[in-house]
Amino acid sequence: MSATFLTEPPKLVIFDCDGVLVDSETLANQVFAQVVTAEGLPTTFEESVARYMGRSLADAIADIEAALGRPVGDSFVADYDRQLHARLRSELVAVAGVRQLLDALVTANVPRCVASSGRPQEIALRLELTGLTEYFGRHVYSATMVARGKPAPDLFCYAAEQVGVDASTCVVIEDSPFGVRGAKAAGMTTIGYAALMPVERLIEAGADIVVTDMSEIPRLLAL
C-alpha cells in the first residue's frame, strides 16, 4: 500500500486522539509541564512535548520517577486530571478539518477507530466534548487494553484485530514519533500529522508521508 498514491480507500483508518482528532496536545502539555515542575522536576512546555507526547501516562510517570529517583506524590495524577479537565471543558475543540475527513470516510463506508495512549475515560471525554463520539461507536481503544503502549505495536495490532482487518490494509494517522514508530512496527501505512511536532521528527520516526493540514488526507486515502 502506498501512502501517497492509494488506488482505493484502506480497509481501516486508525486515528490517534490527542492532537489528531482533538486539539488537546497544547493544553495537555502545558498542564503536564506545570505538574511535573511542581513535583520537583523543572519541565518546560517544549520539553514536555519532546519527552512525553504520545506516551501513556504510566510510561511518562515511570520516566519522571526515574529522573527524580523516587515515586511521584500520591496526588500527582489527581492534580493533573483536575487541572487538565478544567482546561478541556472550557477550551477543547476538534482539530481543524478532521470532521470533514471523518464525514468523507463515512460517505466512502471506510471503517474508523481510535487507538490512543490515553485512558478510556480521557478518550471518551475528549470525543464527547468535541462531538466526535458518533464517528467511532465502540471502536475506541486505549493503551490500557494491551501489554505495551506506544511505541510498541500492540495497540495498533489490537485495534485491527478488533475490527477484523489485516494490519497491512490499515492507515494510521499519528502526530507523535512514539505513535508513528508503533504503527510502523505493526506493519501499517502511517500518515504523520505535524501540528506541534516538527515534520522532520515524524519523518525520522518512519512516517510514510507527513501533512500539516487535515484537508490533505482525503486525497491520500483515495476518498
C-alpha atoms as a PDB file:
ATOM      1  CA  MET A   1       0.000   0.000   0.000  1.00  0.00           C
ATOM      2  CA  SER A   2       1.398   3.393  -0.959  1.00  0.00           C
ATOM      3  CA  ALA A   3       0.627   6.172   1.485  1.00  0.00           C
ATOM      4  CA  THR A   4       0.944   8.747  -1.264  1.00  0.00           C
ATOM      5  CA  PHE A   5      -0.985   7.144  -4.126  1.00  0.00           C
ATOM      6  CA  LEU A   6      -3.631   4.775  -2.826  1.00  0.00           C
ATOM      7  CA  THR A   7      -5.718   3.429  -5.660  1.00  0.00           C
ATOM      8  CA  GLU A   8      -8.604   2.597  -3.336  1.00  0.00           C
ATOM      9  CA  PRO A   9      -9.523   3.508   0.247  1.00  0.00           C
ATOM     10  CA  PRO A  10      -7.920   1.475   3.070  1.00  0.00           C
ATOM     11  CA  LYS A  11      -9.827  -1.188   4.993  1.00  0.00           C
ATOM     12  CA  LEU A  12      -9.466   0.747   8.256  1.00  0.00           C
ATOM     13  CA  VAL A  13      -8.274   4.209   9.281  1.00  0.00           C
ATOM     14  CA  ILE A  14      -6.856   4.346  12.802  1.00  0.00           C
ATOM     15  CA  PHE A  15      -6.790   7.741  14.493  1.00  0.00           C
ATOM     16  CA  ASP A  16      -4.714   8.814  17.442  1.00  0.00           C
ATOM     17  CA  CYS A  17      -6.871  11.014  19.676  1.00  0.00           C
ATOM     18  CA  ASP A  18      -4.889  13.875  21.246  1.00  0.00           C
ATOM     19  CA  GLY A  19      -3.542  16.188  18.572  1.00  0.00           C
ATOM     20  CA  VAL A  20      -5.155  14.279  15.689  1.00  0.00           C
ATOM     21  CA  LEU A  21      -8.863  14.239  16.486  1.00  0.00           C
ATOM     22  CA  VAL A  22      -8.962  16.847  19.219  1.00  0.00           C
ATOM     23  CA  ASP A  23      -6.743  19.891  19.665  1.00  0.00           C
ATOM     24  CA  SER A  24      -5.667  18.917  23.176  1.00  0.00           C
ATOM     25  CA  GLU A  25      -1.911  18.462  22.966  1.00  0.00           C
ATOM     26  CA  THR A  26      -1.095  22.097  23.713  1.00  0.00           C
ATOM     27  CA  LEU A  27      -3.406  22.138  26.723  1.00  0.00           C
ATOM     28  CA  ALA A  28      -2.221  18.754  28.000  1.00  0.00           C
ATOM     29  CA  ASN A  29       1.457  19.561  27.719  1.00  0.00           C
ATOM     30  CA  GLN A  30       1.052  22.979  29.324  1.00  0.00           C
ATOM     31  CA  VAL A  31      -0.637  21.373  32.319  1.00  0.00           C
ATOM     32  CA  PHE A  32       1.709  18.386  32.434  1.00  0.00           C
ATOM     33  CA  ALA A  33       4.792  20.613  32.421  1.00  0.00           C
ATOM     34  CA  GLN A  34       3.356  22.581  35.343  1.00  0.00           C
ATOM     35  CA  VAL A  35       2.519  19.456  37.355  1.00  0.00           C
ATOM     36  CA  VAL A  36       5.900  17.820  36.698  1.00  0.00           C
ATOM     37  CA  THR A  37       7.675  21.044  37.673  1.00  0.00           C
ATOM     38  CA  ALA A  38       5.637  21.252  40.887  1.00  0.00           C
ATOM     39  CA  GLU A  39       6.681  17.663  41.594  1.00  0.00           C
ATOM     40  CA  GLY A  40      10.319  18.778  41.628  1.00  0.00           C
ATOM     41  CA  LEU A  41      11.468  18.166  38.057  1.00  0.00           C
ATOM     42  CA  PRO A  42      11.614  21.545  36.235  1.00  0.00           C
ATOM     43  CA  THR A  43       9.999  20.989  32.833  1.00  0.00           C
ATOM     44  CA  THR A  44       9.077  23.451  30.089  1.00  0.00           C
ATOM     45  CA  PHE A  45       6.182  23.057  27.655  1.00  0.00           C
ATOM     46  CA  GLU A  46       8.659  22.295  24.868  1.00  0.00           C
ATOM     47  CA  GLU A  47      10.359  19.625  26.984  1.00  0.00           C
ATOM     48  CA  SER A  48       7.017  18.026  27.788  1.00  0.00           C
ATOM     49  CA  VAL A  49       6.158  17.826  24.091  1.00  0.00           C
ATOM     50  CA  ALA A  50       9.539  16.345  23.183  1.00  0.00           C
ATOM     51  CA  ARG A  51       9.718  13.840  26.038  1.00  0.00           C
ATOM     52  CA  TYR A  52       6.164  12.765  26.860  1.00  0.00           C
ATOM     53  CA  MET A  53       3.845  13.485  23.927  1.00  0.00           C
ATOM     54  CA  GLY A  54       2.336  10.300  22.554  1.00  0.00           C
ATOM     55  CA  ARG A  55       3.243   8.160  25.563  1.00  0.00           C
ATOM     56  CA  SER A  56       0.869   6.633  28.074  1.00  0.00           C
ATOM     57  CA  LEU A  57       0.583   8.376  31.428  1.00  0.00           C
ATOM     58  CA  ALA A  58       2.039   5.292  33.124  1.00  0.00           C
ATOM     59  CA  ASP A  59       5.130   5.374  30.899  1.00  0.00           C
ATOM     60  CA  ALA A  60       5.562   9.117  31.403  1.00  0.00           C
ATOM     61  CA  ILE A  61       5.344   8.729  35.182  1.00  0.00           C
ATOM     62  CA  ALA A  62       7.908   5.925  35.118  1.00  0.00           C
ATOM     63  CA  ASP A  63      10.260   8.242  33.238  1.00  0.00           C
ATOM     64  CA  ILE A  64       9.653  11.075  35.716  1.00  0.00           C
ATOM     65  CA  GLU A  65      10.222   8.799  38.702  1.00  0.00           C
ATOM     66  CA  ALA A  66      13.498   7.583  37.212  1.00  0.00           C
ATOM     67  CA  ALA A  67      14.641  11.189  36.817  1.00  0.00           C
ATOM     68  CA  LEU A  68      13.553  12.106  40.350  1.00  0.00           C
ATOM     69  CA  GLY A  69      14.920   8.962  41.922  1.00  0.00           C
ATOM     70  CA  ARG A  70      11.661   8.490  43.847  1.00  0.00           C
ATOM     71  CA  PRO A  71       7.948   7.877  43.254  1.00  0.00           C
ATOM     72  CA  VAL A  72       5.758  10.835  42.382  1.00  0.00           C
ATOM     73  CA  GLY A  73       3.422  12.065  45.123  1.00  0.00           C
ATOM     74  CA  ASP A  74       0.056  10.473  45.781  1.00  0.00           C
ATOM     75  CA  SER A  75      -1.785  13.467  44.329  1.00  0.00           C
ATOM     76  CA  PHE A  76       0.229  13.702  41.082  1.00  0.00           C
ATOM     77  CA  VAL A  77      -2.333  12.043  38.802  1.00  0.00           C
ATOM     78  CA  ALA A  78      -5.307  13.685  40.531  1.00  0.00           C
ATOM     79  CA  ASP A  79      -3.705  17.131  40.239  1.00  0.00           C
ATOM     80  CA  TYR A  80      -3.006  16.583  36.533  1.00  0.00           C
ATOM     81  CA  ASP A  81      -6.515  15.300  35.852  1.00  0.00           C
ATOM     82  CA  ARG A  82      -8.205  18.109  37.744  1.00  0.00           C
ATOM     83  CA  GLN A  83      -6.238  20.903  36.096  1.00  0.00           C
ATOM     84  CA  LEU A  84      -6.440  19.418  32.615  1.00  0.00           C
ATOM     85  CA  HIS A  85     -10.154  18.642  32.750  1.00  0.00           C
ATOM     86  CA  ALA A  86     -10.880  22.249  33.711  1.00  0.00           C
ATOM     87  CA  ARG A  87      -8.943  23.452  30.656  1.00  0.00           C
ATOM     88  CA  LEU A  88     -10.511  20.872  28.341  1.00  0.00           C
ATOM     89  CA  ARG A  89     -14.065  21.693  29.333  1.00  0.00           C
ATOM     90  CA  SER A  90     -13.582  25.377  28.580  1.00  0.00           C
ATOM     91  CA  GLU A  91     -11.143  25.289  25.653  1.00  0.00           C
ATOM     92  CA  LEU A  92     -11.146  21.948  23.791  1.00  0.00           C
ATOM     93  CA  VAL A  93     -12.116  21.875  20.103  1.00  0.00           C
ATOM     94  CA  ALA A  94     -11.799  19.307  17.321  1.00  0.00           C
ATOM     95  CA  VAL A  95      -8.721  19.559  15.116  1.00  0.00           C
ATOM     96  CA  ALA A  96      -9.429  21.788  12.114  1.00  0.00           C
ATOM     97  CA  GLY A  97     -10.600  19.725   9.142  1.00  0.00           C
ATOM     98  CA  VAL A  98     -10.944  16.415  10.991  1.00  0.00           C
ATOM     99  CA  ARG A  99     -14.754  16.421  10.936  1.00  0.00           C
ATOM    100  CA  GLN A 100     -14.707  16.822   7.153  1.00  0.00           C
ATOM    101  CA  LEU A 101     -12.243  13.914   6.915  1.00  0.00           C
ATOM    102  CA  LEU A 102     -14.458  11.749   9.104  1.00  0.00           C
ATOM    103  CA  ASP A 103     -17.529  12.638   7.038  1.00  0.00           C
ATOM    104  CA  ALA A 104     -15.647  11.626   3.880  1.00  0.00           C
ATOM    105  CA  LEU A 105     -14.776   8.268   5.456  1.00  0.00           C
ATOM    106  CA  VAL A 106     -18.415   7.730   6.436  1.00  0.00           C
ATOM    107  CA  THR A 107     -19.536   8.528   2.888  1.00  0.00           C
ATOM    108  CA  ALA A 108     -16.965   6.072   1.479  1.00  0.00           C
ATOM    109  CA  ASN A 109     -18.023   3.444   4.062  1.00  0.00           C
ATOM    110  CA  VAL A 110     -14.477   3.140   5.409  1.00  0.00           C
ATOM    111  CA  PRO A 111     -14.267   1.773   8.983  1.00  0.00           C
ATOM    112  CA  ARG A 112     -12.698   4.059  11.577  1.00  0.00           C
ATOM    113  CA  CYS A 113     -11.326   3.572  15.074  1.00  0.00           C
ATOM    114  CA  VAL A 114      -9.341   5.355  17.773  1.00  0.00           C
ATOM    115  CA  ALA A 115      -6.072   3.964  19.181  1.00  0.00           C
ATOM    116  CA  SER A 116      -4.829   6.282  21.917  1.00  0.00           C
ATOM    117  CA  SER A 117      -2.294   6.261  24.731  1.00  0.00           C
ATOM    118  CA  GLY A 118      -4.932   7.959  26.888  1.00  0.00           C
ATOM    119  CA  ARG A 119      -7.017   6.212  29.496  1.00  0.00           C
ATOM    120  CA  PRO A 120     -10.531   5.165  28.362  1.00  0.00           C
ATOM    121  CA  GLN A 121     -12.291   7.855  30.388  1.00  0.00           C
ATOM    122  CA  GLU A 122      -9.958  10.525  28.985  1.00  0.00           C
ATOM    123  CA  ILE A 123     -10.619   9.478  25.399  1.00  0.00           C
ATOM    124  CA  ALA A 124     -14.377   9.349  25.973  1.00  0.00           C
ATOM    125  CA  LEU A 125     -14.414  12.847  27.481  1.00  0.00           C
ATOM    126  CA  ARG A 126     -12.470  14.338  24.593  1.00  0.00           C
ATOM    127  CA  LEU A 127     -14.708  12.765  21.968  1.00  0.00           C
ATOM    128  CA  GLU A 128     -17.823  13.830  23.860  1.00  0.00           C
ATOM    129  CA  LEU A 129     -16.715  17.437  24.323  1.00  0.00           C
ATOM    130  CA  THR A 130     -15.976  17.801  20.612  1.00  0.00           C
ATOM    131  CA  GLY A 131     -18.978  15.874  19.303  1.00  0.00           C
ATOM    132  CA  LEU A 132     -16.910  13.137  17.656  1.00  0.00           C
ATOM    133  CA  THR A 133     -18.175  10.119  19.608  1.00  0.00           C
ATOM    134  CA  GLU A 134     -20.680   9.079  16.931  1.00  0.00           C
ATOM    135  CA  TYR A 135     -17.960   8.535  14.331  1.00  0.00           C
ATOM    136  CA  PHE A 136     -16.384   5.632  16.232  1.00  0.00           C
ATOM    137  CA  GLY A 137     -19.041   3.858  18.283  1.00  0.00           C
ATOM    138  CA  ARG A 138     -17.457   1.042  20.274  1.00  0.00           C
ATOM    139  CA  HIS A 139     -14.245   1.094  18.264  1.00  0.00           C
ATOM    140  CA  VAL A 140     -12.235   3.166  20.719  1.00  0.00           C
ATOM    141  CA  TYR A 141      -9.089   1.524  22.050  1.00  0.00           C
ATOM    142  CA  SER A 142      -6.738   2.570  24.836  1.00  0.00           C
ATOM    143  CA  ALA A 143      -3.172   1.588  25.668  1.00  0.00           C
ATOM    144  CA  THR A 144      -4.584   0.289  28.955  1.00  0.00           C
ATOM    145  CA  MET A 145      -6.080  -2.592  26.950  1.00  0.00           C
ATOM    146  CA  VAL A 146      -2.726  -4.038  25.847  1.00  0.00           C
ATOM    147  CA  ALA A 147       0.513  -5.133  27.482  1.00  0.00           C
ATOM    148  CA  ARG A 148       2.699  -2.416  25.963  1.00  0.00           C
ATOM    149  CA  GLY A 149       1.850   1.119  24.898  1.00  0.00           C
ATOM    150  CA  LYS A 150       3.309   3.109  22.001  1.00  0.00           C
ATOM    151  CA  PRO A 151       5.937   2.842  20.531  1.00  0.00           C
ATOM    152  CA  ALA A 152       5.222  -0.892  20.755  1.00  0.00           C
ATOM    153  CA  PRO A 153       2.842  -2.132  18.016  1.00  0.00           C
ATOM    154  CA  ASP A 154       0.451  -3.833  20.463  1.00  0.00           C
ATOM    155  CA  LEU A 155      -2.332  -1.232  20.452  1.00  0.00           C
ATOM    156  CA  PHE A 156      -2.442  -0.931  16.669  1.00  0.00           C
ATOM    157  CA  CYS A 157      -2.463  -4.704  16.194  1.00  0.00           C
ATOM    158  CA  TYR A 158      -5.215  -4.991  18.787  1.00  0.00           C
ATOM    159  CA  ALA A 159      -7.326  -2.354  17.016  1.00  0.00           C
ATOM    160  CA  ALA A 160      -7.004  -4.137  13.661  1.00  0.00           C
ATOM    161  CA  GLU A 161      -7.914  -7.457  15.262  1.00  0.00           C
ATOM    162  CA  GLN A 162     -10.986  -5.978  16.931  1.00  0.00           C
ATOM    163  CA  VAL A 163     -12.248  -4.517  13.668  1.00  0.00           C
ATOM    164  CA  GLY A 164     -11.345  -7.717  11.820  1.00  0.00           C
ATOM    165  CA  VAL A 165      -8.875  -6.471   9.204  1.00  0.00           C
ATOM    166  CA  ASP A 166      -5.270  -7.241   8.355  1.00  0.00           C
ATOM    167  CA  ALA A 167      -2.676  -4.774   9.640  1.00  0.00           C
ATOM    168  CA  SER A 168      -1.237  -4.292   6.163  1.00  0.00           C
ATOM    169  CA  THR A 169      -4.552  -2.847   4.949  1.00  0.00           C
ATOM    170  CA  CYS A 170      -4.719  -0.147   7.641  1.00  0.00           C
ATOM    171  CA  VAL A 171      -3.694   3.501   7.576  1.00  0.00           C
ATOM    172  CA  VAL A 172      -2.768   5.209  10.847  1.00  0.00           C
ATOM    173  CA  ILE A 173      -2.833   8.975  11.432  1.00  0.00           C
ATOM    174  CA  GLU A 174      -0.415   9.985  14.201  1.00  0.00           C
ATOM    175  CA  ASP A 175       1.149  13.198  15.489  1.00  0.00           C
ATOM    176  CA  SER A 176       3.990  11.856  17.653  1.00  0.00           C
ATOM    177  CA  PRO A 177       7.167   9.857  16.945  1.00  0.00           C
ATOM    178  CA  PHE A 178       6.076   7.269  19.547  1.00  0.00           C
ATOM    179  CA  GLY A 179       2.823   6.706  17.680  1.00  0.00           C
ATOM    180  CA  VAL A 180       4.460   6.622  14.253  1.00  0.00           C
ATOM    181  CA  ARG A 181       7.026   4.071  15.402  1.00  0.00           C
ATOM    182  CA  GLY A 182       4.307   1.889  16.890  1.00  0.00           C
ATOM    183  CA  ALA A 183       2.205   1.981  13.738  1.00  0.00           C
ATOM    184  CA  LYS A 184       5.153   1.152  11.514  1.00  0.00           C
ATOM    185  CA  ALA A 185       6.154  -1.706  13.839  1.00  0.00           C
ATOM    186  CA  ALA A 186       2.632  -3.059  13.325  1.00  0.00           C
ATOM    187  CA  GLY A 187       3.188  -3.037   9.557  1.00  0.00           C
ATOM    188  CA  MET A 188       0.737  -0.224   8.873  1.00  0.00           C
ATOM    189  CA  THR A 189       0.942   2.683   6.452  1.00  0.00           C
ATOM    190  CA  THR A 190       1.349   5.821   8.520  1.00  0.00           C
ATOM    191  CA  ILE A 191       0.458   9.455   7.900  1.00  0.00           C
ATOM    192  CA  GLY A 192       2.199  11.882  10.216  1.00  0.00           C
ATOM    193  CA  TYR A 193       0.206  14.963  11.172  1.00  0.00           C
ATOM    194  CA  ALA A 194       2.637  17.721  12.108  1.00  0.00           C
ATOM    195  CA  ALA A 195       0.976  20.212  14.426  1.00  0.00           C
ATOM    196  CA  LEU A 196       3.260  20.610  17.464  1.00  0.00           C
ATOM    197  CA  MET A 197       5.897  18.113  16.368  1.00  0.00           C
ATOM    198  CA  PRO A 198       8.464  19.167  13.735  1.00  0.00           C
ATOM    199  CA  VAL A 199       7.957  17.456  10.379  1.00  0.00           C
ATOM    200  CA  GLU A 200      11.486  16.076  10.499  1.00  0.00           C
ATOM    201  CA  ARG A 201      10.873  14.135  13.709  1.00  0.00           C
ATOM    202  CA  LEU A 202       7.867  12.353  12.226  1.00  0.00           C
ATOM    203  CA  ILE A 203       9.840  11.521   9.099  1.00  0.00           C
ATOM    204  CA  GLU A 204      12.722  10.210  11.196  1.00  0.00           C
ATOM    205  CA  ALA A 205      10.258   8.051  13.131  1.00  0.00           C
ATOM    206  CA  GLY A 206       9.226   6.397   9.862  1.00  0.00           C
ATOM    207  CA  ALA A 207       6.058   8.153   8.708  1.00  0.00           C
ATOM    208  CA  ASP A 208       5.297   7.308   5.063  1.00  0.00           C
ATOM    209  CA  ILE A 209       4.189  10.877   4.483  1.00  0.00           C
ATOM    210  CA  VAL A 210       3.730  13.950   6.676  1.00  0.00           C
ATOM    211  CA  VAL A 211       0.997  16.563   6.302  1.00  0.00           C
ATOM    212  CA  THR A 212       0.333  19.814   8.108  1.00  0.00           C
ATOM    213  CA  ASP A 213      -3.337  20.150   7.148  1.00  0.00           C
ATOM    214  CA  MET A 214      -6.120  17.581   7.580  1.00  0.00           C
ATOM    215  CA  SER A 215      -7.582  18.675   4.242  1.00  0.00           C
ATOM    216  CA  GLU A 216      -4.648  16.934   2.515  1.00  0.00           C
ATOM    217  CA  ILE A 217      -5.607  13.486   3.810  1.00  0.00           C
ATOM    218  CA  PRO A 218      -8.771  12.587   1.798  1.00  0.00           C
ATOM    219  CA  ARG A 219      -6.735  12.690  -1.398  1.00  0.00           C
ATOM    220  CA  LEU A 220      -4.064  10.453   0.123  1.00  0.00           C
ATOM    221  CA  LEU A 221      -6.722   7.929   1.146  1.00  0.00           C
ATOM    222  CA  ALA A 222      -8.321   7.874  -2.335  1.00  0.00           C
ATOM    223  CA  LEU A 223     -11.633   9.130  -0.947  1.00  0.00           C
END
